[in-house]
Amino acid sequence: MFGLKRKEEARPKAKQILKSKTLDGPATSYLKFKICISGSASVDVATPGTQKKTELMGRMIAERGMVLVTGATTGIPYWAAKGAKEAGGIVIGLSPAASKLAHVKTYHLPLDYHDLIVYTGFDYSGRNLLLTRTADAVITICGRVGTLNEFTIAFEDHKPQGVLTGTGGESDEIERILKIAHRGMGKVVFDSDPVKLLDKVQAMIETDEKRIEALTYVQNPPSANRKRG
């Protein structure tokens, strides 16, 4: 399916390995990459096959050792969470509700296929900001106005983004919107193949991590961390 077996076997699990120096010697941080799946909670605009591709994306995120972050909602994010959990991955949701009760009773949102749900209490607009900033990259699948809001937040934050084209809704309009907006294409990549798209997004994250690692080394050179006699 979409070349999954061939490509995923050769792809190492992703994690952020930042090496720095402390007064006690070298320190290494083993942080996992966090990928936000942004997409429509209502899938009436999704094209045929979108659910299959979305679950595949979630599964690949898990199989690569990354953490899936969602808006703890129905539709596209729910399908991605399902794929990730069925592959044994970690899924974190950020809810617009202020409590578990409000999440279920007021917003009518699901609780399954997540390891942790953070109840932000900031409604959808505030949740969207926290959601995109929680992640190292955002992948857009299908989507309506709320998805476009998450995309533009991440775009202004210069965050790596991937758009899975051919899935309907905003995902098939974003490239055109960027062209007529005259702000450049930013750090956004496009592909209709989930495997190829995740490869591109992961490569961008790894490039950013190398810059951070270099900056960390400059701020903490070995000579500055030697114990004083």
Protein backbone atom coordinates (compact mmCIF):
# COMPACT_ATOMS: atom_id res chain seq x y z
CA MET A 1 0.00 0.00 0.00
CA PHE A 2 1.55 3.23 -1.24
CA GLY A 3 4.97 1.52 -1.10
CA LEU A 4 4.74 1.29 2.68
CA LYS A 5 6.58 -1.96 3.27
CA ARG A 6 9.54 -1.15 1.03
CA LYS A 7 10.09 2.38 2.29
CA GLU A 8 9.22 1.99 5.96
CA GLU A 9 11.61 -0.92 6.49
CA ALA A 10 14.50 1.28 5.39
CA ARG A 11 13.46 4.32 7.39
CA PRO A 12 14.93 4.61 10.90
CA LYS A 13 12.76 5.66 13.79
CA ALA A 14 12.87 9.39 14.30
CA LYS A 15 13.77 11.11 17.51
CA GLN A 16 15.39 14.38 18.36
CA ILE A 17 18.89 13.83 19.68
CA LEU A 18 20.28 17.11 20.91
CA LYS A 19 23.75 16.93 22.39
CA SER A 20 24.89 19.70 24.67
CA LYS A 21 27.34 20.23 27.50
CA THR A 22 26.59 20.71 31.16
CA LEU A 23 28.80 21.26 34.18
CA ASP A 24 28.74 17.51 34.70
CA GLY A 25 29.71 16.68 31.13
CA PRO A 26 27.77 15.78 27.97
CA ALA A 27 23.98 15.68 28.05
CA THR A 28 21.69 14.18 25.43
CA SER A 29 17.97 14.77 25.03
CA TYR A 30 15.98 11.97 23.41
CA LEU A 31 12.84 13.84 22.42
CA LYS A 32 10.48 12.28 19.92
CA PHE A 33 9.28 14.24 16.91
CA LYS A 34 5.68 15.40 17.28
CA ILE A 35 3.49 15.49 14.16
CA CYS A 36 0.15 17.27 14.15
CA ILE A 37 -2.49 15.93 11.79
CA SER A 38 -4.79 18.79 10.86
CA GLY A 39 -7.98 18.08 8.99
CA SER A 40 -11.71 18.40 8.88
CA ALA A 41 -13.78 17.00 11.73
CA SER A 42 -16.59 16.62 9.19
CA VAL A 43 -15.55 14.40 6.33
CA ASP A 44 -18.30 15.21 3.86
CA VAL A 45 -15.74 17.05 1.71
CA ALA A 46 -13.20 14.21 1.80
CA THR A 47 -12.51 12.33 -1.41
CA PRO A 48 -12.88 8.53 -1.65
CA GLY A 49 -9.88 6.77 -0.14
CA THR A 50 -9.03 9.60 2.26
CA GLN A 51 -9.79 7.53 5.36
CA LYS A 52 -7.43 4.80 4.19
CA LYS A 53 -4.65 7.31 3.50
CA THR A 54 -5.19 9.10 6.82
CA GLU A 55 -5.05 5.89 8.86
CA LEU A 56 -1.90 4.97 6.95
CA MET A 57 -0.35 8.32 7.85
CA GLY A 58 -1.14 7.77 11.51
CA ARG A 59 0.31 4.28 11.39
CA MET A 60 3.53 5.46 9.73
CA ILE A 61 3.97 8.21 12.32
CA ALA A 62 3.77 5.56 15.04
CA GLU A 63 6.03 3.09 13.24
CA ARG A 64 8.70 5.76 12.83
CA GLY A 65 8.73 6.38 16.58
CA MET A 66 7.07 9.78 16.38
CA VAL A 67 4.19 11.13 18.47
CA LEU A 68 0.88 12.02 16.85
CA VAL A 69 -0.81 15.22 18.04
CA THR A 70 -4.45 15.92 17.19
CA GLY A 71 -7.25 18.30 18.02
CA ALA A 72 -8.97 15.43 19.89
CA THR A 73 -11.87 15.55 17.48
CA THR A 74 -13.75 13.49 14.92
CA GLY A 75 -13.07 12.98 11.22
CA ILE A 76 -9.53 13.24 9.86
CA PRO A 77 -7.74 13.61 13.24
CA TYR A 78 -9.73 10.66 14.61
CA TRP A 79 -8.79 8.46 11.65
CA ALA A 80 -5.12 9.37 12.09
CA ALA A 81 -5.31 8.60 15.82
CA LYS A 82 -6.90 5.23 15.04
CA GLY A 83 -4.08 4.33 12.67
CA ALA A 84 -1.41 5.38 15.16
CA LYS A 85 -2.91 3.54 18.14
CA GLU A 86 -3.47 0.35 16.16
CA ALA A 87 0.27 0.47 15.39
CA GLY A 88 1.13 0.91 19.07
CA GLY A 89 1.94 4.62 18.83
CA ILE A 90 1.49 7.52 21.21
CA VAL A 91 -1.36 9.97 20.54
CA ILE A 92 -1.90 13.27 22.37
CA GLY A 93 -5.03 15.33 21.86
CA LEU A 94 -5.67 19.00 22.60
CA SER A 95 -9.35 19.63 23.23
CA PRO A 96 -11.19 22.96 22.88
CA ALA A 97 -13.12 22.04 26.04
CA ALA A 98 -12.20 22.99 29.60
CA SER A 99 -12.98 19.57 31.06
CA LYS A 100 -13.58 15.96 30.16
CA LEU A 101 -17.30 16.45 30.80
CA ALA A 102 -17.49 19.45 28.47
CA HIS A 103 -15.43 17.59 25.88
CA VAL A 104 -18.07 14.88 25.71
CA LYS A 105 -21.30 16.69 26.62
CA THR A 106 -20.85 20.15 25.09
CA TYR A 107 -18.48 19.55 22.17
CA HIS A 108 -19.57 15.94 21.51
CA LEU A 109 -15.98 14.80 20.92
CA PRO A 110 -14.51 11.29 21.29
CA LEU A 111 -12.16 9.99 23.97
CA ASP A 112 -10.85 6.82 22.32
CA TYR A 113 -7.58 6.28 20.40
CA HIS A 114 -5.70 8.78 22.58
CA ASP A 115 -3.18 8.30 25.39
CA LEU A 116 -3.63 11.80 26.77
CA ILE A 117 -6.12 14.59 26.17
CA VAL A 118 -5.32 18.12 27.35
CA TYR A 119 -8.44 20.16 28.06
CA THR A 120 -7.34 23.65 27.04
CA GLY A 121 -10.60 25.51 27.71
CA PHE A 122 -9.75 27.94 24.89
CA ASP A 123 -12.49 26.90 22.44
CA TYR A 124 -11.47 26.10 18.87
CA SER A 125 -9.47 29.21 17.99
CA GLY A 126 -7.31 29.06 21.11
CA ARG A 127 -6.95 25.29 20.84
CA ASN A 128 -5.72 25.63 17.26
CA LEU A 129 -2.85 27.89 18.33
CA LEU A 130 -1.72 25.52 21.08
CA LEU A 131 -2.14 22.51 18.79
CA THR A 132 0.16 23.72 16.04
CA ARG A 133 2.76 25.08 18.46
CA THR A 134 2.86 21.76 20.31
CA ALA A 135 4.03 19.99 17.16
CA ASP A 136 7.33 19.98 15.28
CA ALA A 137 5.43 19.83 11.99
CA VAL A 138 1.85 19.95 10.73
CA ILE A 139 0.34 17.71 8.06
CA THR A 140 -2.90 18.87 6.46
CA ILE A 141 -5.37 16.32 5.13
CA CYS A 142 -8.67 17.46 3.60
CA GLY A 143 -10.01 20.27 5.82
CA ARG A 144 -12.31 23.26 5.98
CA VAL A 145 -11.99 26.73 7.58
CA GLY A 146 -10.68 25.45 10.94
CA THR A 147 -7.98 23.48 9.14
CA LEU A 148 -7.03 26.57 7.15
CA ASN A 149 -6.74 28.48 10.43
CA GLU A 150 -4.30 25.89 11.77
CA PHE A 151 -2.35 26.02 8.51
CA THR A 152 -1.95 29.80 8.56
CA ILE A 153 -0.85 29.78 12.22
CA ALA A 154 1.85 27.23 11.42
CA PHE A 155 2.79 29.15 8.27
CA GLU A 156 3.34 32.38 10.26
CA ASP A 157 5.41 30.38 12.78
CA HIS A 158 7.64 29.10 9.92
CA LYS A 159 6.86 25.54 10.93
CA PRO A 160 7.46 22.61 8.55
CA GLN A 161 4.20 21.60 6.90
CA GLY A 162 3.01 18.90 4.56
CA VAL A 163 -0.20 18.90 2.55
CA LEU A 164 -1.69 15.60 1.39
CA THR A 165 -3.23 16.58 -1.93
CA GLY A 166 -6.11 14.78 -3.58
CA THR A 167 -7.98 14.39 -0.28
CA GLY A 168 -10.50 17.20 -0.86
CA GLY A 169 -11.33 20.44 0.88
CA GLU A 170 -8.56 22.91 1.79
CA SER A 171 -5.75 20.46 1.02
CA ASP A 172 -6.49 20.87 -2.69
CA GLU A 173 -6.66 24.66 -2.50
CA ILE A 174 -3.72 25.62 -0.27
CA GLU A 175 -1.10 25.75 -3.01
CA ARG A 176 -3.28 28.11 -5.03
CA ILE A 177 -3.98 30.25 -1.94
CA LEU A 178 -0.27 30.60 -1.24
CA LYS A 179 0.43 31.66 -4.82
CA ILE A 180 -2.19 34.42 -4.83
CA ALA A 181 -1.21 35.55 -1.32
CA HIS A 182 2.26 36.60 -2.57
CA ARG A 183 4.03 35.53 0.63
CA GLY A 184 6.06 32.73 -0.87
CA MET A 185 5.54 29.01 -0.30
CA GLY A 186 7.10 29.00 3.17
CA LYS A 187 8.19 25.64 4.58
CA VAL A 188 5.37 23.76 2.90
CA VAL A 189 5.63 20.59 0.80
CA PHE A 190 2.92 18.82 -1.19
CA ASP A 191 2.34 15.24 -2.26
CA SER A 192 -0.56 12.88 -2.94
CA ASP A 193 1.37 9.87 -1.59
CA PRO A 194 1.32 9.61 2.25
CA VAL A 195 4.70 7.86 2.38
CA LYS A 196 6.47 10.42 0.20
CA LEU A 197 4.83 13.30 2.05
CA LEU A 198 5.92 12.05 5.46
CA ASP A 199 9.44 11.51 4.10
CA LYS A 200 9.56 15.16 3.02
CA VAL A 201 8.18 16.46 6.32
CA GLN A 202 10.54 14.34 8.37
CA ALA A 203 13.50 15.58 6.33
CA MET A 204 12.52 19.20 7.09
CA ILE A 205 12.26 18.47 10.81
CA GLU A 206 15.66 16.80 10.82
CA THR A 207 17.16 19.83 9.07
CA ASP A 208 15.69 22.11 11.74
CA GLU A 209 17.05 19.85 14.48
CA LYS A 210 20.57 20.05 13.05
CA ARG A 211 20.35 23.85 13.25
CA ILE A 212 19.20 23.66 16.86
CA GLU A 213 21.96 21.22 17.72
CA ALA A 214 24.54 23.57 16.20
CA LEU A 215 23.11 26.49 18.14
CA THR A 216 23.16 24.47 21.37
CA TYR A 217 26.83 23.66 20.82
CA VAL A 218 27.69 27.33 20.21
CA GLN A 219 25.93 28.37 23.40
CA ASN A 220 27.59 25.60 25.39
CA PRO A 221 31.11 25.03 23.98
CA PRO A 222 33.15 22.31 25.73
CA SER A 223 35.68 24.82 27.10
CA ALA A 224 32.92 26.74 28.88
CA ASN A 225 31.76 23.69 30.77
CA ARG A 226 35.00 22.43 32.26
CA LYS A 227 34.97 22.14 36.00
CA ARG A 228 37.00 24.77 37.69
CA GLY A 229 39.83 23.50 39.83
